[in-house]
Amino acid sequence: MIKNYLKIAIRSLAKNRLTTFINIFGLGLSMSVGLMILVRTMDALSYDKFHPHPDRTYRITSEFHPKNGERWKMASSPLPLVNSISQKDGQTVANIYPSLNGKATANGKELYINGAFTEPSFFSIFGFSLIKGSAAGLKEPNSLILKKEIAEKFFGTTDVIGKSIRFENGTTFLIQGVLNTPPGKTHLNYDVYASYNTVPAMEKNKMLADKSTDWFAFNTAYTYIMLDKKSDKAALQSQLNSIARNLNLINKEGIASFHLQPLNEISPGKDRLANDNAAGTSWTKIYVEGGIALLILLAACFNYTNLTIARALTRAKEVGIRKIVGAKRSQIFIQYVFESVLLSMLALAFAWILLSFVIRYAPFNDDYEFIPSSFHYST
C-alpha cells in the first residue's frame, strides 16, 4: 500500500513539473535560511561548555546609581575586589585585567597583541590546557602564557619556553607556557595572559594607571569565582553586599552594588552590560533571527498552500474516479499527505545542498562571519 502511495505521489509531482519546481524551490530556499539561522543559534549556545564547573562559576558584575538618576550596569568590577572576598576551602577567585594591549616584538617579528593580566588561579577556574609549561609560572613578575597560534606566528613553533616578548611600552615578558587550542568556544578571547604581579611595578613606573587600589574604577577588571560544591551562593552575595555597603559609606556620589552572573549566562547574555568582555551574541539577537526565519518559512508555507489549493481544483476529476473505483476518504487523504511529505523532503534536500554550499564557500562572510567558520556537520 505504501509503495503505491509513493508511486502515485512521484507520478503526480512529475506530471506538474512547474508547480513542483516552484514549491521545492520556494520551500527549499526558506528552509535553507532556517537552517543557517539554526547553525548560528547552535554556535551561539556553544560558548563556555568545556570549563570544569560552569554550573558553579560566576562573574561578579557591578552596578552604580549616580545621584543624577542614571543607572550603570557593568560586566566589570574594581581590581581590589578580588582580594576582599574571603575565600573558603574549595573556592577559587581570579581577576582578568585587560591592559596588556599593543604592538609586541619577538624573534624579529611585530604583532598586535590583545592581552590581560591574571593569576595562576585563572587556569583552575577555566578549562584552558597548556601544551607547554605550567600555569604556576605566572607567579613570577614579567612572565606570561600565550596562545599556540601566537607562538607559531612569532617563532614558527610551540617550543618557546624561556623566550621573551617585548611590548612597545618597554616591558619585557618571559614566556612560561603555551595554551592549547580550546576544545570549544569561550567568551574570553585574549592572545596572552601575563602575571598580575607585574602590575605594581608597571603602575609605579607610570606604564599603567594606578587602578590596583582604586575601588571606584568599576570599568577596570573582571572578577571570576568558582564556588565549592558545599559553598552557599547566598552567603557570597551577602558578602558582596557588605563590601558594597562599606563603599557607599565612603562615596557620596551614588550607590554601588555587586552581583553574581552565572558563567552559562554570559554568552549569550540576557542583560545588556556595559564594558562587557564577552565574545558571542545576545538572546535578543537570537530571538530576532529566529523570528525572521519563522516569518520566511511561514511565507513559503502560505505560497505552497495557495498553489496546492489551486491545483486541487484541477484534480476533482481524479478524486471522483478514485471514489468510483472504491477508494475511501481516508485513502485519498493519505495520498495527499504522501505527496506533501515527499515534496517537503525534496525541498529539505535542496535546502541542505544550499547550506552545504554556504558553509563551504562562505559567500556571506565578507567582513562578517554570518556562518561560523568553526562549524562542522555533526554525525
Protein backbone atom coordinates (compact mmCIF):
# COMPACT_ATOMS: atom_id res chain seq x y z
CA MET A 1 0.00 0.00 0.00
CA ILE A 2 2.74 2.43 0.97
CA LYS A 3 4.59 1.59 -2.22
CA ASN A 4 1.51 2.50 -4.25
CA TYR A 5 1.07 5.78 -2.36
CA LEU A 6 4.71 6.66 -3.07
CA LYS A 7 4.48 5.68 -6.75
CA ILE A 8 1.35 7.78 -7.32
CA ALA A 9 2.91 10.74 -5.44
CA ILE A 10 6.01 10.65 -7.65
CA ARG A 11 3.86 10.49 -10.81
CA SER A 12 1.73 13.41 -9.62
CA LEU A 13 4.76 15.60 -8.88
CA ALA A 14 6.38 14.67 -12.18
CA LYS A 15 3.19 15.45 -14.10
CA ASN A 16 3.03 19.01 -12.68
CA ARG A 17 6.69 19.94 -13.11
CA LEU A 18 6.30 23.72 -12.95
CA THR A 19 4.24 23.71 -9.76
CA THR A 20 6.55 21.12 -8.22
CA PHE A 21 9.62 23.22 -9.09
CA ILE A 22 8.09 26.38 -7.61
CA ASN A 23 7.15 24.58 -4.41
CA ILE A 24 10.51 22.83 -4.00
CA PHE A 25 12.49 25.99 -4.80
CA GLY A 26 10.39 28.23 -2.51
CA LEU A 27 10.28 25.80 0.40
CA GLY A 28 13.94 24.83 -0.05
CA LEU A 29 15.11 28.43 -0.10
CA SER A 30 13.18 29.26 3.07
CA MET A 31 14.37 26.06 4.75
CA SER A 32 17.99 26.92 3.90
CA VAL A 33 17.55 30.29 5.65
CA GLY A 34 16.07 28.48 8.65
CA LEU A 35 18.98 26.00 8.69
CA MET A 36 21.50 28.85 8.54
CA ILE A 37 19.82 30.55 11.49
CA LEU A 38 19.80 27.18 13.29
CA VAL A 39 23.56 26.85 12.71
CA ARG A 40 24.11 30.35 14.09
CA THR A 41 21.93 29.56 17.12
CA MET A 42 23.82 26.33 17.80
CA ASP A 43 27.09 28.25 17.63
CA ALA A 44 25.77 30.97 19.97
CA LEU A 45 24.74 28.35 22.55
CA SER A 46 28.09 26.52 22.44
CA TYR A 47 30.10 29.03 24.50
CA ASP A 48 31.89 28.02 27.72
CA LYS A 49 30.81 24.36 27.73
CA PHE A 50 34.29 22.89 28.22
CA HIS A 51 35.16 24.54 31.54
CA PRO A 52 35.35 22.19 34.54
CA HIS A 53 32.49 23.54 36.65
CA PRO A 54 30.37 26.06 34.68
CA ASP A 55 27.41 25.42 36.99
CA ARG A 56 29.20 26.95 39.97
CA THR A 57 31.40 29.52 38.24
CA TYR A 58 30.33 33.17 38.33
CA ARG A 59 31.44 36.56 37.07
CA ILE A 60 30.98 39.42 39.53
CA THR A 61 29.25 42.36 37.86
CA SER A 62 28.95 45.93 39.12
CA GLU A 63 26.05 48.34 39.29
CA PHE A 64 26.27 52.04 40.12
CA HIS A 65 23.46 54.53 40.59
CA PRO A 66 24.74 58.13 40.46
CA LYS A 67 22.64 60.86 42.05
CA ASN A 68 21.68 62.18 38.62
CA GLY A 69 19.31 59.25 38.20
CA GLU A 70 21.34 57.24 35.73
CA ARG A 71 21.94 53.51 36.11
CA TRP A 72 25.17 51.83 35.07
CA LYS A 73 25.25 48.05 34.85
CA MET A 74 28.74 46.79 34.07
CA ALA A 75 30.27 43.38 33.45
CA SER A 76 33.48 44.65 35.04
CA SER A 77 34.48 45.32 38.64
CA PRO A 78 37.22 47.14 40.60
CA LEU A 79 40.63 45.50 40.86
CA PRO A 80 40.77 45.43 44.70
CA LEU A 81 37.56 43.39 44.89
CA VAL A 82 39.34 40.08 44.32
CA ASN A 83 41.41 40.49 47.50
CA SER A 84 38.41 41.49 49.61
CA ILE A 85 36.50 38.27 49.03
CA SER A 86 37.17 35.91 51.91
CA GLN A 87 37.91 32.59 50.27
CA LYS A 88 36.73 29.36 51.85
CA ASP A 89 38.17 25.93 51.18
CA GLY A 90 37.35 24.90 47.64
CA GLN A 91 36.66 28.42 46.37
CA THR A 92 38.85 29.92 43.67
CA VAL A 93 38.93 33.60 42.70
CA ALA A 94 40.76 35.26 39.82
CA ASN A 95 40.98 38.65 38.13
CA ILE A 96 41.22 39.46 34.44
CA TYR A 97 42.82 42.87 33.92
CA PRO A 98 42.84 43.52 30.13
CA SER A 99 45.53 46.22 29.96
CA LEU A 100 48.27 44.48 28.04
CA ASN A 101 47.41 45.67 24.57
CA GLY A 102 49.60 46.98 21.80
CA LYS A 103 52.44 46.04 19.49
CA ALA A 104 54.82 43.35 20.68
CA THR A 105 58.13 42.24 19.20
CA ALA A 106 59.75 38.81 19.32
CA ASN A 107 62.09 36.90 17.03
CA GLY A 108 62.31 39.92 14.74
CA LYS A 109 58.54 39.99 14.17
CA GLU A 110 55.95 42.51 15.31
CA LEU A 111 52.31 41.73 16.07
CA TYR A 112 49.42 43.50 17.74
CA ILE A 113 48.62 41.67 20.98
CA ASN A 114 45.36 41.67 22.93
CA GLY A 115 46.44 40.56 26.39
CA ALA A 116 45.39 40.58 30.03
CA PHE A 117 46.94 40.24 33.46
CA THR A 118 45.77 37.40 35.67
CA GLU A 119 46.78 34.90 38.38
CA PRO A 120 47.56 31.16 38.18
CA SER A 121 44.15 30.50 39.78
CA PHE A 122 42.57 31.59 36.49
CA PHE A 123 43.57 28.25 34.97
CA SER A 124 41.89 26.38 37.83
CA ILE A 125 38.57 28.11 37.14
CA PHE A 126 38.61 27.75 33.36
CA GLY A 127 39.31 24.68 31.25
CA PHE A 128 42.25 26.02 29.25
CA SER A 129 45.06 23.48 28.93
CA LEU A 130 48.75 24.08 28.33
CA ILE A 131 50.78 22.12 25.80
CA LYS A 132 54.00 23.62 27.12
CA GLY A 133 54.94 24.98 30.54
CA SER A 134 52.83 25.45 33.66
CA ALA A 135 50.31 27.97 34.96
CA ALA A 136 52.42 28.22 38.13
CA GLY A 137 54.90 30.24 36.08
CA LEU A 138 52.56 33.24 36.32
CA LYS A 139 53.55 33.67 39.97
CA GLU A 140 56.72 35.37 38.80
CA PRO A 141 56.55 39.01 37.64
CA ASN A 142 57.16 39.70 33.94
CA SER A 143 56.06 36.22 32.91
CA LEU A 144 53.30 35.27 30.52
CA ILE A 145 51.45 32.43 28.84
CA LEU A 146 50.50 32.85 25.19
CA LYS A 147 48.18 31.09 22.75
CA LYS A 148 49.51 28.39 20.46
CA GLU A 149 48.63 30.46 17.39
CA ILE A 150 50.59 33.48 18.66
CA ALA A 151 53.63 31.34 19.47
CA GLU A 152 53.61 29.93 15.95
CA LYS A 153 53.24 33.38 14.39
CA PHE A 154 56.21 34.73 16.34
CA PHE A 155 58.54 31.73 16.41
CA GLY A 156 57.08 29.16 13.99
CA THR A 157 56.97 26.60 16.79
CA THR A 158 55.47 25.99 20.24
CA ASP A 159 58.87 25.26 21.82
CA VAL A 160 59.14 28.80 23.15
CA ILE A 161 59.54 28.33 26.92
CA GLY A 162 62.20 30.75 28.19
CA LYS A 163 61.99 33.07 25.20
CA SER A 164 60.93 36.69 25.59
CA ILE A 165 58.44 39.13 24.14
CA ARG A 166 58.92 42.89 24.34
CA PHE A 167 55.96 45.28 24.28
CA GLU A 168 56.04 48.78 22.86
CA ASN A 169 55.88 50.29 26.39
CA GLY A 170 59.32 48.81 27.05
CA THR A 171 58.25 45.89 29.25
CA THR A 172 59.79 42.51 28.51
CA PHE A 173 58.00 39.28 29.45
CA LEU A 174 59.39 35.78 29.72
CA ILE A 175 57.28 33.01 28.18
CA GLN A 176 56.32 30.42 30.80
CA GLY A 177 53.66 28.45 28.91
CA VAL A 178 51.76 27.87 25.68
CA LEU A 179 47.98 27.47 25.63
CA ASN A 180 46.45 24.70 23.59
CA THR A 181 43.61 25.48 21.20
CA PRO A 182 40.42 25.37 23.32
CA PRO A 183 38.13 22.37 22.67
CA GLY A 184 35.19 24.74 22.30
CA LYS A 185 34.17 28.37 22.14
CA THR A 186 34.69 30.71 25.07
CA HIS A 187 33.70 34.28 25.85
CA LEU A 188 37.33 35.00 26.81
CA ASN A 189 39.48 35.80 23.79
CA TYR A 190 42.92 37.05 24.80
CA ASP A 191 46.18 36.34 22.98
CA VAL A 192 48.37 36.30 26.10
CA TYR A 193 47.90 36.09 29.88
CA ALA A 194 50.58 37.87 31.87
CA SER A 195 51.42 37.71 35.57
CA TYR A 196 49.35 40.10 37.66
CA ASN A 197 52.40 40.51 39.92
CA THR A 198 53.86 42.69 37.15
CA VAL A 199 51.16 45.35 37.63
CA PRO A 200 52.54 47.10 40.79
CA ALA A 201 55.89 47.80 39.13
CA MET A 202 54.22 49.00 35.92
CA GLU A 203 51.97 51.35 37.93
CA LYS A 204 54.99 52.66 39.80
CA ASN A 205 56.78 53.35 36.50
CA LYS A 206 53.63 55.04 35.10
CA MET A 207 53.23 52.38 32.42
CA LEU A 208 49.75 51.67 33.79
CA ALA A 209 47.23 53.89 35.51
CA ASP A 210 47.05 53.41 39.28
CA LYS A 211 43.97 51.19 39.44
CA SER A 212 45.07 48.35 41.72
CA THR A 213 43.78 50.21 44.80
CA ASP A 214 41.00 52.21 43.18
CA TRP A 215 37.67 50.89 44.46
CA PHE A 216 35.63 53.21 42.26
CA ALA A 217 37.17 52.21 38.92
CA PHE A 218 34.29 49.85 38.14
CA ASN A 219 35.30 49.51 34.48
CA THR A 220 38.79 48.16 35.13
CA ALA A 221 38.81 44.38 35.59
CA TYR A 222 36.69 41.22 35.52
CA THR A 223 36.40 39.08 38.62
CA TYR A 224 35.53 35.39 38.44
CA ILE A 225 34.87 32.97 41.26
CA MET A 226 34.32 29.22 41.34
CA LEU A 227 32.41 28.04 44.37
CA ASP A 228 32.93 24.79 46.19
CA LYS A 229 30.12 22.23 45.97
CA LYS A 230 29.16 22.97 49.56
CA SER A 231 29.50 26.71 49.26
CA ASP A 232 26.46 28.91 49.59
CA LYS A 233 25.84 31.32 46.75
CA ALA A 234 23.60 33.39 49.02
CA ALA A 235 26.44 33.71 51.56
CA LEU A 236 28.78 35.02 48.86
CA GLN A 237 26.17 37.51 47.67
CA SER A 238 25.75 38.65 51.27
CA GLN A 239 29.49 39.21 51.46
CA LEU A 240 29.42 41.28 48.27
CA ASN A 241 26.54 43.32 49.69
CA SER A 242 28.63 44.03 52.78
CA ILE A 243 31.56 45.19 50.64
CA ALA A 244 29.22 47.46 48.67
CA ARG A 245 27.76 48.97 51.86
CA ASN A 246 31.25 49.90 53.06
CA LEU A 247 31.96 51.55 49.70
CA ASN A 248 28.71 53.50 49.84
CA LEU A 249 29.70 54.90 53.25
CA ILE A 250 32.79 56.39 51.62
CA ASN A 251 31.35 57.50 48.31
CA LYS A 252 28.55 60.08 48.47
CA GLU A 253 28.18 60.40 44.69
CA GLY A 254 25.99 57.34 44.26
CA ILE A 255 25.16 53.81 45.32
CA ALA A 256 27.22 50.79 44.24
CA SER A 257 26.32 47.09 44.30
CA PHE A 258 27.81 43.80 43.11
CA HIS A 259 26.02 40.80 41.62
CA LEU A 260 26.80 37.23 40.62
CA GLN A 261 26.35 36.32 36.98
CA PRO A 262 26.47 32.57 36.19
CA LEU A 263 29.06 31.59 33.61
CA ASN A 264 26.46 29.96 31.37
CA GLU A 265 24.54 33.26 31.20
CA ILE A 266 27.46 35.38 29.98
CA SER A 267 27.27 34.35 26.32
CA PRO A 268 24.63 34.60 25.06
CA GLY A 269 23.79 37.26 27.61
CA LYS A 270 20.39 38.14 28.99
CA ASP A 271 21.30 41.60 30.29
CA ARG A 272 22.84 44.48 28.39
CA LEU A 273 26.01 45.12 30.36
CA ALA A 274 28.42 47.95 29.65
CA ASN A 275 32.13 47.23 29.29
CA ASP A 276 31.41 43.58 28.51
CA ASN A 277 34.39 41.36 27.66
CA ALA A 278 32.23 38.55 26.32
CA ALA A 279 32.51 37.34 22.75
CA GLY A 280 29.36 35.96 21.18
CA THR A 281 25.86 37.31 20.82
CA SER A 282 22.81 38.07 22.96
CA TRP A 283 19.43 36.42 23.42
CA THR A 284 17.78 39.41 21.76
CA LYS A 285 19.66 38.78 18.50
CA ILE A 286 18.86 35.07 18.69
CA TYR A 287 15.15 35.79 19.11
CA VAL A 288 15.17 38.32 16.25
CA GLU A 289 16.96 35.95 13.88
CA GLY A 290 14.63 33.10 14.87
CA GLY A 291 11.61 35.33 14.25
CA ILE A 292 12.87 36.32 10.79
CA ALA A 293 13.46 32.66 9.89
CA LEU A 294 9.95 31.77 11.10
CA LEU A 295 8.37 34.54 9.01
CA ILE A 296 10.21 33.39 5.89
CA LEU A 297 9.10 29.79 6.50
CA LEU A 298 5.50 30.89 7.04
CA ALA A 299 5.53 32.88 3.80
CA ALA A 300 6.83 29.83 1.93
CA CYS A 301 4.16 27.65 3.56
CA PHE A 302 1.41 30.07 2.54
CA ASN A 303 2.73 30.06 -1.02
CA TYR A 304 2.76 26.24 -1.01
CA THR A 305 -0.78 26.12 0.41
CA ASN A 306 -2.15 28.51 -2.24
CA LEU A 307 -0.56 26.56 -5.08
CA THR A 308 -1.80 23.26 -3.65
CA ILE A 309 -5.37 24.55 -3.29
CA ALA A 310 -5.30 25.94 -6.83
CA ARG A 311 -4.05 22.59 -8.17
CA ALA A 312 -6.60 20.67 -6.08
CA LEU A 313 -9.41 22.24 -8.12
CA THR A 314 -7.95 20.60 -11.26
CA ARG A 315 -7.79 17.23 -9.52
CA ALA A 316 -11.52 16.95 -8.81
CA LYS A 317 -11.91 14.53 -11.73
CA GLU A 318 -9.09 12.36 -10.38
CA VAL A 319 -10.68 12.25 -6.92
CA GLY A 320 -14.07 11.36 -8.46
CA ILE A 321 -12.64 8.44 -10.44
CA ARG A 322 -10.89 7.11 -7.32
CA LYS A 323 -14.12 7.19 -5.36
CA ILE A 324 -15.95 5.38 -8.19
CA VAL A 325 -13.39 2.56 -8.17
CA GLY A 326 -13.79 2.18 -4.41
CA ALA A 327 -11.22 4.50 -2.78
CA LYS A 328 -12.11 5.61 0.73
CA ARG A 329 -11.92 9.16 2.02
CA SER A 330 -9.03 8.24 4.34
CA GLN A 331 -7.05 6.71 1.46
CA ILE A 332 -7.36 9.87 -0.63
CA PHE A 333 -6.33 11.93 2.39
CA ILE A 334 -3.26 9.73 2.97
CA GLN A 335 -2.34 10.07 -0.70
CA TYR A 336 -2.29 13.86 -0.45
CA VAL A 337 -0.26 13.64 2.76
CA PHE A 338 2.29 11.41 0.99
CA GLU A 339 2.64 13.94 -1.81
CA SER A 340 3.13 16.78 0.69
CA VAL A 341 5.72 14.83 2.69
CA LEU A 342 7.61 13.81 -0.45
CA LEU A 343 7.68 17.39 -1.73
CA SER A 344 8.84 18.64 1.68
CA MET A 345 11.65 16.08 1.80
CA LEU A 346 12.80 17.12 -1.68
CA ALA A 347 12.73 20.77 -0.55
CA LEU A 348 14.75 19.84 2.55
CA ALA A 349 17.33 18.06 0.37
CA PHE A 350 17.58 21.18 -1.81
CA ALA A 351 17.96 23.32 1.33
CA TRP A 352 20.73 21.02 2.60
CA ILE A 353 22.60 21.40 -0.70
CA LEU A 354 22.31 25.20 -0.43
CA LEU A 355 23.50 25.10 3.19
CA SER A 356 26.49 22.93 2.22
CA PHE A 357 27.44 25.48 -0.43
CA VAL A 358 27.15 28.36 2.04
CA ILE A 359 29.23 26.55 4.69
CA ARG A 360 31.94 25.55 2.21
CA TYR A 361 32.33 28.76 0.26
CA ALA A 362 31.05 31.31 2.85
CA PRO A 363 29.58 33.76 0.32
CA PHE A 364 28.06 35.90 3.11
CA ASN A 365 31.18 36.05 5.30
CA ASP A 366 32.65 39.18 3.74
CA ASP A 367 33.69 41.40 6.70
CA TYR A 368 31.18 39.50 8.85
CA GLU A 369 31.10 35.84 9.84
CA PHE A 370 27.49 35.01 9.04
CA ILE A 371 28.16 31.28 9.20
CA PRO A 372 30.74 30.45 11.92
CA SER A 373 33.97 29.18 10.36
CA SER A 374 34.30 26.66 13.20
CA PHE A 375 31.03 24.90 12.31
CA HIS A 376 31.21 21.30 11.17
CA TYR A 377 28.49 18.79 10.44
CA SER A 378 27.82 16.56 13.42
CA THR A 379 27.09 12.89 13.00
